[in-house]
Amino acid sequence: MPRPKRDEQFENGEICIVHAVQRCVRRAFLAGVDAQTGKDYSFRKEWIRRRMEALASVFGIDVLSYAVMSNHLHVILRNRP
């Protein structure tokens, strides 16, 4: 059975808190030091923080919490209907 569509999961005027995860594929590195290549991708954490801040100011969401890991990102979001 497929999952319901996102627009069917929430009511329009309802305040919701959502945990979202975004993951890299093919062993790609998001942030930190890649042990295999030795490249440092730590600068991406600040870039991601600034981008989330900019997007949250434009869209109707609040970023309650976030965690940038080596190959994935966790975000706790709240909508502002």
PDB file of N, CA and C in Angstrom:
ATOM      1  N   MET A   1       0.844  -1.176   0.000  1.00  0.00           N
ATOM      2  CA  MET A   1       0.000   0.000   0.000  1.00  0.00           C
ATOM      3  C   MET A   1       0.888   1.239   0.000  1.00  0.00           C
ATOM      4  N   PRO A   2       0.698   2.167  -0.931  1.00  0.00           N
ATOM      5  CA  PRO A   2       1.535   3.367  -0.969  1.00  0.00           C
ATOM      6  C   PRO A   2       1.184   4.319   0.172  1.00  0.00           C
ATOM      7  N   ARG A   3       2.163   5.143   0.532  1.00  0.00           N
ATOM      8  CA  ARG A   3       1.904   6.130   1.581  1.00  0.00           C
ATOM      9  C   ARG A   3       1.011   7.228   1.033  1.00  0.00           C
ATOM     10  N   PRO A   4       0.271   7.908   1.904  1.00  0.00           N
ATOM     11  CA  PRO A   4      -0.599   8.989   1.426  1.00  0.00           C
ATOM     12  C   PRO A   4       0.219  10.170   0.914  1.00  0.00           C
ATOM     13  N   LYS A   5      -0.371  10.950   0.012  1.00  0.00           N
ATOM     14  CA  LYS A   5       0.289  12.141  -0.504  1.00  0.00           C
ATOM     15  C   LYS A   5       0.476  13.150   0.617  1.00  0.00           C
ATOM     16  N   ARG A   6       1.512  13.962   0.512  1.00  0.00           N
ATOM     17  CA  ARG A   6       1.803  14.931   1.581  1.00  0.00           C
ATOM     18  C   ARG A   6       0.671  15.930   1.773  1.00  0.00           C
ATOM     19  N   ASP A   7       0.014  16.328   0.689  1.00  0.00           N
ATOM     20  CA  ASP A   7      -1.077  17.285   0.851  1.00  0.00           C
ATOM     21  C   ASP A   7      -2.313  16.643   1.478  1.00  0.00           C
ATOM     22  N   GLU A   8      -2.340  15.321   1.585  1.00  0.00           N
ATOM     23  CA  GLU A   8      -3.447  14.625   2.249  1.00  0.00           C
ATOM     24  C   GLU A   8      -3.128  14.304   3.707  1.00  0.00           C
ATOM     25  N   GLN A   9      -1.869  14.467   4.140  1.00  0.00           N
ATOM     26  CA  GLN A   9      -1.476  14.106   5.496  1.00  0.00           C
ATOM     27  C   GLN A   9      -1.776  15.194   6.505  1.00  0.00           C
ATOM     28  N   PHE A  10      -1.793  16.452   6.067  1.00  0.00           N
ATOM     29  CA  PHE A  10      -1.957  17.570   6.990  1.00  0.00           C
ATOM     30  C   PHE A  10      -3.106  18.452   6.557  1.00  0.00           C
ATOM     31  N   GLU A  11      -3.772  19.043   7.538  1.00  0.00           N
ATOM     32  CA  GLU A  11      -4.821  20.023   7.263  1.00  0.00           C
ATOM     33  C   GLU A  11      -4.165  21.368   6.958  1.00  0.00           C
ATOM     34  N   ASN A  12      -4.818  22.212   6.153  1.00  0.00           N
ATOM     35  CA  ASN A  12      -4.238  23.487   5.746  1.00  0.00           C
ATOM     36  C   ASN A  12      -3.942  24.418   6.910  1.00  0.00           C
ATOM     37  N   GLY A  13      -4.829  24.542   7.870  1.00  0.00           N
ATOM     38  CA  GLY A  13      -4.646  25.473   8.974  1.00  0.00           C
ATOM     39  C   GLY A  13      -3.973  24.872  10.192  1.00  0.00           C
ATOM     40  N   GLU A  14      -3.571  23.634  10.120  1.00  0.00           N
ATOM     41  CA  GLU A  14      -3.010  22.916  11.260  1.00  0.00           C
ATOM     42  C   GLU A  14      -1.504  23.181  11.386  1.00  0.00           C
ATOM     43  N   ILE A  15      -1.043  23.441  12.611  1.00  0.00           N
ATOM     44  CA  ILE A  15       0.391  23.589  12.869  1.00  0.00           C
ATOM     45  C   ILE A  15       0.971  22.193  13.037  1.00  0.00           C
ATOM     46  N   CYS A  16       2.017  21.905  12.271  1.00  0.00           N
ATOM     47  CA  CYS A  16       2.629  20.578  12.284  1.00  0.00           C
ATOM     48  C   CYS A  16       4.125  20.693  12.548  1.00  0.00           C
ATOM     49  N   ILE A  17       4.655  19.704  13.222  1.00  0.00           N
ATOM     50  CA  ILE A  17       6.089  19.581  13.421  1.00  0.00           C
ATOM     51  C   ILE A  17       6.528  18.309  12.708  1.00  0.00           C
ATOM     52  N   VAL A  18       7.561  18.446  11.868  1.00  0.00           N
ATOM     53  CA  VAL A  18       7.980  17.356  10.996  1.00  0.00           C
ATOM     54  C   VAL A  18       9.472  17.118  11.162  1.00  0.00           C
ATOM     55  N   HIS A  19       9.862  15.855  11.212  1.00  0.00           N
ATOM     56  CA  HIS A  19      11.271  15.467  11.200  1.00  0.00           C
ATOM     57  C   HIS A  19      11.591  15.016   9.785  1.00  0.00           C
ATOM     58  N   ALA A  20      12.524  15.728   9.127  1.00  0.00           N
ATOM     59  CA  ALA A  20      12.903  15.399   7.757  1.00  0.00           C
ATOM     60  C   ALA A  20      14.370  14.987   7.725  1.00  0.00           C
ATOM     61  N   VAL A  21      14.673  14.019   6.880  1.00  0.00           N
ATOM     62  CA  VAL A  21      16.044  13.529   6.726  1.00  0.00           C
ATOM     63  C   VAL A  21      16.393  13.591   5.246  1.00  0.00           C
ATOM     64  N   GLN A  22      17.559  14.137   4.947  1.00  0.00           N
ATOM     65  CA  GLN A  22      18.076  14.147   3.578  1.00  0.00           C
ATOM     66  C   GLN A  22      19.416  13.428   3.600  1.00  0.00           C
ATOM     67  N   ARG A  23      19.574  12.448   2.730  1.00  0.00           N
ATOM     68  CA  ARG A  23      20.744  11.586   2.759  1.00  0.00           C
ATOM     69  C   ARG A  23      21.506  11.665   1.439  1.00  0.00           C
ATOM     70  N   CYS A  24      22.831  11.614   1.509  1.00  0.00           N
ATOM     71  CA  CYS A  24      23.665  11.554   0.306  1.00  0.00           C
ATOM     72  C   CYS A  24      23.668  10.118  -0.223  1.00  0.00           C
ATOM     73  N   VAL A  25      23.923   9.983  -1.490  1.00  0.00           N
ATOM     74  CA  VAL A  25      23.962   8.660  -2.112  1.00  0.00           C
ATOM     75  C   VAL A  25      25.362   8.384  -2.648  1.00  0.00           C
ATOM     76  N   ARG A  26      25.616   7.131  -2.976  1.00  0.00           N
ATOM     77  CA  ARG A  26      26.866   6.676  -3.581  1.00  0.00           C
ATOM     78  C   ARG A  26      28.092   7.058  -2.760  1.00  0.00           C
ATOM     79  N   ARG A  27      27.958   6.934  -1.444  1.00  0.00           N
ATOM     80  CA  ARG A  27      29.063   7.180  -0.525  1.00  0.00           C
ATOM     81  C   ARG A  27      29.613   8.599  -0.616  1.00  0.00           C
ATOM     82  N   ALA A  28      28.765   9.541  -1.079  1.00  0.00           N
ATOM     83  CA  ALA A  28      29.184  10.940  -1.163  1.00  0.00           C
ATOM     84  C   ALA A  28      29.293  11.523   0.233  1.00  0.00           C
ATOM     85  N   PHE A  29      30.127  12.524   0.395  1.00  0.00           N
ATOM     86  CA  PHE A  29      30.354  13.141   1.693  1.00  0.00           C
ATOM     87  C   PHE A  29      29.673  14.495   1.720  1.00  0.00           C
ATOM     88  N   LEU A  30      28.940  14.792   2.782  1.00  0.00           N
ATOM     89  CA  LEU A  30      28.248  16.062   2.937  1.00  0.00           C
ATOM     90  C   LEU A  30      29.090  17.049   3.725  1.00  0.00           C
ATOM     91  N   ALA A  31      29.611  16.635   4.864  1.00  0.00           N
ATOM     92  CA  ALA A  31      30.386  17.532   5.724  1.00  0.00           C
ATOM     93  C   ALA A  31      31.422  16.733   6.494  1.00  0.00           C
ATOM     94  N   GLY A  32      32.461  17.433   6.958  1.00  0.00           N
ATOM     95  CA  GLY A  32      33.528  16.782   7.703  1.00  0.00           C
ATOM     96  C   GLY A  32      34.671  16.367   6.793  1.00  0.00           C
ATOM     97  N   VAL A  33      35.547  15.558   7.307  1.00  0.00           N
ATOM     98  CA  VAL A  33      36.716  15.110   6.548  1.00  0.00           C
ATOM     99  C   VAL A  33      36.448  13.709   6.011  1.00  0.00           C
ATOM    100  N   ASP A  34      36.573  13.568   4.707  1.00  0.00           N
ATOM    101  CA  ASP A  34      36.396  12.275   4.059  1.00  0.00           C
ATOM    102  C   ASP A  34      37.641  11.430   4.317  1.00  0.00           C
ATOM    103  N   ALA A  35      37.477  10.292   4.963  1.00  0.00           N
ATOM    104  CA  ALA A  35      38.608   9.443   5.329  1.00  0.00           C
ATOM    105  C   ALA A  35      39.288   8.829   4.109  1.00  0.00           C
ATOM    106  N   GLN A  36      38.534   8.560   3.041  1.00  0.00           N
ATOM    107  CA  GLN A  36      39.114   7.916   1.864  1.00  0.00           C
ATOM    108  C   GLN A  36      39.933   8.877   1.010  1.00  0.00           C
ATOM    109  N   THR A  37      39.431  10.089   0.816  1.00  0.00           N
ATOM    110  CA  THR A  37      40.132  11.040  -0.053  1.00  0.00           C
ATOM    111  C   THR A  37      40.944  12.061   0.730  1.00  0.00           C
ATOM    112  N   GLY A  38      40.611  12.260   2.007  1.00  0.00           N
ATOM    113  CA  GLY A  38      41.305  13.249   2.820  1.00  0.00           C
ATOM    114  C   GLY A  38      40.805  14.668   2.617  1.00  0.00           C
ATOM    115  N   LYS A  39      39.775  14.859   1.788  1.00  0.00           N
ATOM    116  CA  LYS A  39      39.225  16.199   1.550  1.00  0.00           C
ATOM    117  C   LYS A  39      38.389  16.648   2.741  1.00  0.00           C
ATOM    118  N   ASP A  40      38.473  17.939   3.029  1.00  0.00           N
ATOM    119  CA  ASP A  40      37.728  18.512   4.149  1.00  0.00           C
ATOM    120  C   ASP A  40      36.515  19.263   3.603  1.00  0.00           C
ATOM    121  N   TYR A  41      35.332  18.793   3.968  1.00  0.00           N
ATOM    122  CA  TYR A  41      34.087  19.415   3.544  1.00  0.00           C
ATOM    123  C   TYR A  41      33.391  20.134   4.699  1.00  0.00           C
ATOM    124  N   SER A  42      34.119  20.525   5.725  1.00  0.00           N
ATOM    125  CA  SER A  42      33.535  21.168   6.900  1.00  0.00           C
ATOM    126  C   SER A  42      32.890  22.511   6.566  1.00  0.00           C
ATOM    127  N   PHE A  43      33.367  23.190   5.529  1.00  0.00           N
ATOM    128  CA  PHE A  43      32.803  24.486   5.151  1.00  0.00           C
ATOM    129  C   PHE A  43      31.331  24.380   4.763  1.00  0.00           C
ATOM    130  N   ARG A  44      30.897  23.191   4.386  1.00  0.00           N
ATOM    131  CA  ARG A  44      29.508  23.016   3.958  1.00  0.00           C
ATOM    132  C   ARG A  44      28.521  23.167   5.103  1.00  0.00           C
ATOM    133  N   LYS A  45      28.922  22.911   6.344  1.00  0.00           N
ATOM    134  CA  LYS A  45      28.011  23.049   7.484  1.00  0.00           C
ATOM    135  C   LYS A  45      27.524  24.490   7.602  1.00  0.00           C
ATOM    136  N   GLU A  46      28.429  25.443   7.493  1.00  0.00           N
ATOM    137  CA  GLU A  46      28.039  26.857   7.569  1.00  0.00           C
ATOM    138  C   GLU A  46      27.199  27.248   6.356  1.00  0.00           C
ATOM    139  N   TRP A  47      27.542  26.738   5.190  1.00  0.00           N
ATOM    140  CA  TRP A  47      26.761  27.034   3.995  1.00  0.00           C
ATOM    141  C   TRP A  47      25.337  26.512   4.137  1.00  0.00           C
ATOM    142  N   ILE A  48      25.177  25.306   4.667  1.00  0.00           N
ATOM    143  CA  ILE A  48      23.853  24.709   4.859  1.00  0.00           C
ATOM    144  C   ILE A  48      23.058  25.510   5.892  1.00  0.00           C
ATOM    145  N   ARG A  49      23.716  25.933   6.979  1.00  0.00           N
ATOM    146  CA  ARG A  49      23.031  26.729   8.002  1.00  0.00           C
ATOM    147  C   ARG A  49      22.515  28.038   7.411  1.00  0.00           C
ATOM    148  N   ARG A  50      23.348  28.721   6.644  1.00  0.00           N
ATOM    149  CA  ARG A  50      22.924  29.983   6.031  1.00  0.00           C
ATOM    150  C   ARG A  50      21.795  29.770   5.037  1.00  0.00           C
ATOM    151  N   ARG A  51      21.860  28.704   4.278  1.00  0.00           N
ATOM    152  CA  ARG A  51      20.819  28.422   3.288  1.00  0.00           C
ATOM    153  C   ARG A  51      19.491  28.109   3.974  1.00  0.00           C
ATOM    154  N   MET A  52      19.523  27.329   5.057  1.00  0.00           N
ATOM    155  CA  MET A  52      18.289  27.036   5.796  1.00  0.00           C
ATOM    156  C   MET A  52      17.690  28.314   6.377  1.00  0.00           C
ATOM    157  N   GLU A  53      18.533  29.191   6.892  1.00  0.00           N
ATOM    158  CA  GLU A  53      18.072  30.464   7.450  1.00  0.00           C
ATOM    159  C   GLU A  53      17.397  31.311   6.372  1.00  0.00           C
ATOM    160  N   ALA A  54      18.006  31.374   5.195  1.00  0.00           N
ATOM    161  CA  ALA A  54      17.426  32.153   4.100  1.00  0.00           C
ATOM    162  C   ALA A  54      16.098  31.564   3.633  1.00  0.00           C
ATOM    163  N   LEU A  55      16.043  30.252   3.477  1.00  0.00           N
ATOM    164  CA  LEU A  55      14.810  29.614   3.004  1.00  0.00           C
ATOM    165  C   LEU A  55      13.691  29.709   4.034  1.00  0.00           C
ATOM    166  N   ALA A  56      14.028  29.576   5.324  1.00  0.00           N
ATOM    167  CA  ALA A  56      12.998  29.668   6.366  1.00  0.00           C
ATOM    168  C   ALA A  56      12.413  31.074   6.437  1.00  0.00           C
ATOM    169  N   SER A  57      13.204  32.099   6.103  1.00  0.00           N
ATOM    170  CA  SER A  57      12.685  33.466   6.134  1.00  0.00           C
ATOM    171  C   SER A  57      11.736  33.740   4.971  1.00  0.00           C
ATOM    172  N   VAL A  58      11.867  32.992   3.888  1.00  0.00           N
ATOM    173  CA  VAL A  58      11.029  33.198   2.709  1.00  0.00           C
ATOM    174  C   VAL A  58       9.766  32.344   2.774  1.00  0.00           C
ATOM    175  N   PHE A  59       9.893  31.090   3.209  1.00  0.00           N
ATOM    176  CA  PHE A  59       8.759  30.179   3.277  1.00  0.00           C
ATOM    177  C   PHE A  59       8.142  30.218   4.669  1.00  0.00           C
ATOM    178  N   GLY A  60       6.967  29.664   4.827  1.00  0.00           N
ATOM    179  CA  GLY A  60       6.243  29.678   6.089  1.00  0.00           C
ATOM    180  C   GLY A  60       6.647  28.545   7.011  1.00  0.00           C
ATOM    181  N   ILE A  61       7.943  28.436   7.335  1.00  0.00           N
ATOM    182  CA  ILE A  61       8.411  27.381   8.228  1.00  0.00           C
ATOM    183  C   ILE A  61       9.379  27.946   9.258  1.00  0.00           C
ATOM    184  N   ASP A  62       9.485  27.263  10.373  1.00  0.00           N
ATOM    185  CA  ASP A  62      10.499  27.536  11.382  1.00  0.00           C
ATOM    186  C   ASP A  62      11.402  26.324  11.455  1.00  0.00           C
ATOM    187  N   VAL A  63      12.701  26.541  11.489  1.00  0.00           N
ATOM    188  CA  VAL A  63      13.659  25.457  11.695  1.00  0.00           C
ATOM    189  C   VAL A  63      13.886  25.374  13.193  1.00  0.00           C
ATOM    190  N   LEU A  64      13.320  24.349  13.827  1.00  0.00           N
ATOM    191  CA  LEU A  64      13.434  24.200  15.277  1.00  0.00           C
ATOM    192  C   LEU A  64      14.786  23.636  15.677  1.00  0.00           C
ATOM    193  N   SER A  65      15.280  22.698  14.898  1.00  0.00           N
ATOM    194  CA  SER A  65      16.559  22.075  15.193  1.00  0.00           C
ATOM    195  C   SER A  65      17.088  21.429  13.926  1.00  0.00           C
ATOM    196  N   TYR A  66      18.403  21.269  13.872  1.00  0.00           N
ATOM    197  CA  TYR A  66      18.998  20.587  12.729  1.00  0.00           C
ATOM    198  C   TYR A  66      20.313  19.954  13.152  1.00  0.00           C
ATOM    199  N   ALA A  67      20.737  18.948  12.399  1.00  0.00           N
ATOM    200  CA  ALA A  67      22.017  18.284  12.619  1.00  0.00           C
ATOM    201  C   ALA A  67      22.590  17.918  11.254  1.00  0.00           C
ATOM    202  N   VAL A  68      23.789  18.425  10.982  1.00  0.00           N
ATOM    203  CA  VAL A  68      24.471  18.102   9.734  1.00  0.00           C
ATOM    204  C   VAL A  68      25.495  17.029  10.059  1.00  0.00           C
ATOM    205  N   MET A  69      25.268  15.845   9.545  1.00  0.00           N
ATOM    206  CA  MET A  69      26.158  14.714   9.781  1.00  0.00           C
ATOM    207  C   MET A  69      27.085  14.550   8.573  1.00  0.00           C
ATOM    208  N   SER A  70      27.939  13.538   8.605  1.00  0.00           N
ATOM    209  CA  SER A  70      28.909  13.370   7.522  1.00  0.00           C
ATOM    210  C   SER A  70      28.260  13.062   6.183  1.00  0.00           C
ATOM    211  N   ASN A  71      27.162  12.299   6.180  1.00  0.00           N
ATOM    212  CA  ASN A  71      26.533  11.962   4.903  1.00  0.00           C
ATOM    213  C   ASN A  71      25.025  12.172   4.894  1.00  0.00           C
ATOM    214  N   HIS A  72      24.476  12.842   5.923  1.00  0.00           N
ATOM    215  CA  HIS A  72      23.047  13.129   5.924  1.00  0.00           C
ATOM    216  C   HIS A  72      22.741  14.328   6.811  1.00  0.00           C
ATOM    217  N   LEU A  73      21.501  14.777   6.734  1.00  0.00           N
ATOM    218  CA  LEU A  73      21.042  15.974   7.423  1.00  0.00           C
ATOM    219  C   LEU A  73      19.700  15.677   8.067  1.00  0.00           C
ATOM    220  N   HIS A  74      19.558  16.044   9.341  1.00  0.00           N
ATOM    221  CA  HIS A  74      18.279  15.939  10.048  1.00  0.00           C
ATOM    222  C   HIS A  74      17.761  17.352  10.296  1.00  0.00           C
ATOM    223  N   VAL A  75      16.466  17.564  10.083  1.00  0.00           N
ATOM    224  CA  VAL A  75      15.869  18.869  10.307  1.00  0.00           C
ATOM    225  C   VAL A  75      14.517  18.669  10.995  1.00  0.00           C
ATOM    226  N   ILE A  76      14.274  19.457  12.039  1.00  0.00           N
ATOM    227  CA  ILE A  76      12.959  19.490  12.687  1.00  0.00           C
ATOM    228  C   ILE A  76      12.312  20.803  12.268  1.00  0.00           C
ATOM    229  N   LEU A  77      11.178  20.717  11.579  1.00  0.00           N
ATOM    230  CA  LEU A  77      10.515  21.880  10.998  1.00  0.00           C
ATOM    231  C   LEU A  77       9.117  22.051  11.582  1.00  0.00           C
ATOM    232  N   ARG A  78       8.685  23.305  11.698  1.00  0.00           N
ATOM    233  CA  ARG A  78       7.306  23.616  12.101  1.00  0.00           C
ATOM    234  C   ARG A  78       6.750  24.596  11.076  1.00  0.00           C
ATOM    235  N   ASN A  79       5.550  24.321  10.593  1.00  0.00           N
ATOM    236  CA  ASN A  79       4.948  25.231   9.610  1.00  0.00           C
ATOM    237  C   ASN A  79       4.264  26.389  10.325  1.00  0.00           C
ATOM    238  N   ARG A  80       4.076  27.462   9.570  1.00  0.00           N
ATOM    239  CA  ARG A  80       3.374  28.651  10.069  1.00  0.00           C
ATOM    240  C   ARG A  80       2.213  28.920   9.118  1.00  0.00           C
ATOM    241  N   PRO A  81       1.062  28.310   9.385  1.00  0.00           N
ATOM    242  CA  PRO A  81      -0.067  28.492   8.448  1.00  0.00           C
ATOM    243  C   PRO A  81      -0.598  29.921   8.447  1.00  0.00           C
TER     244      PRO A  81
END
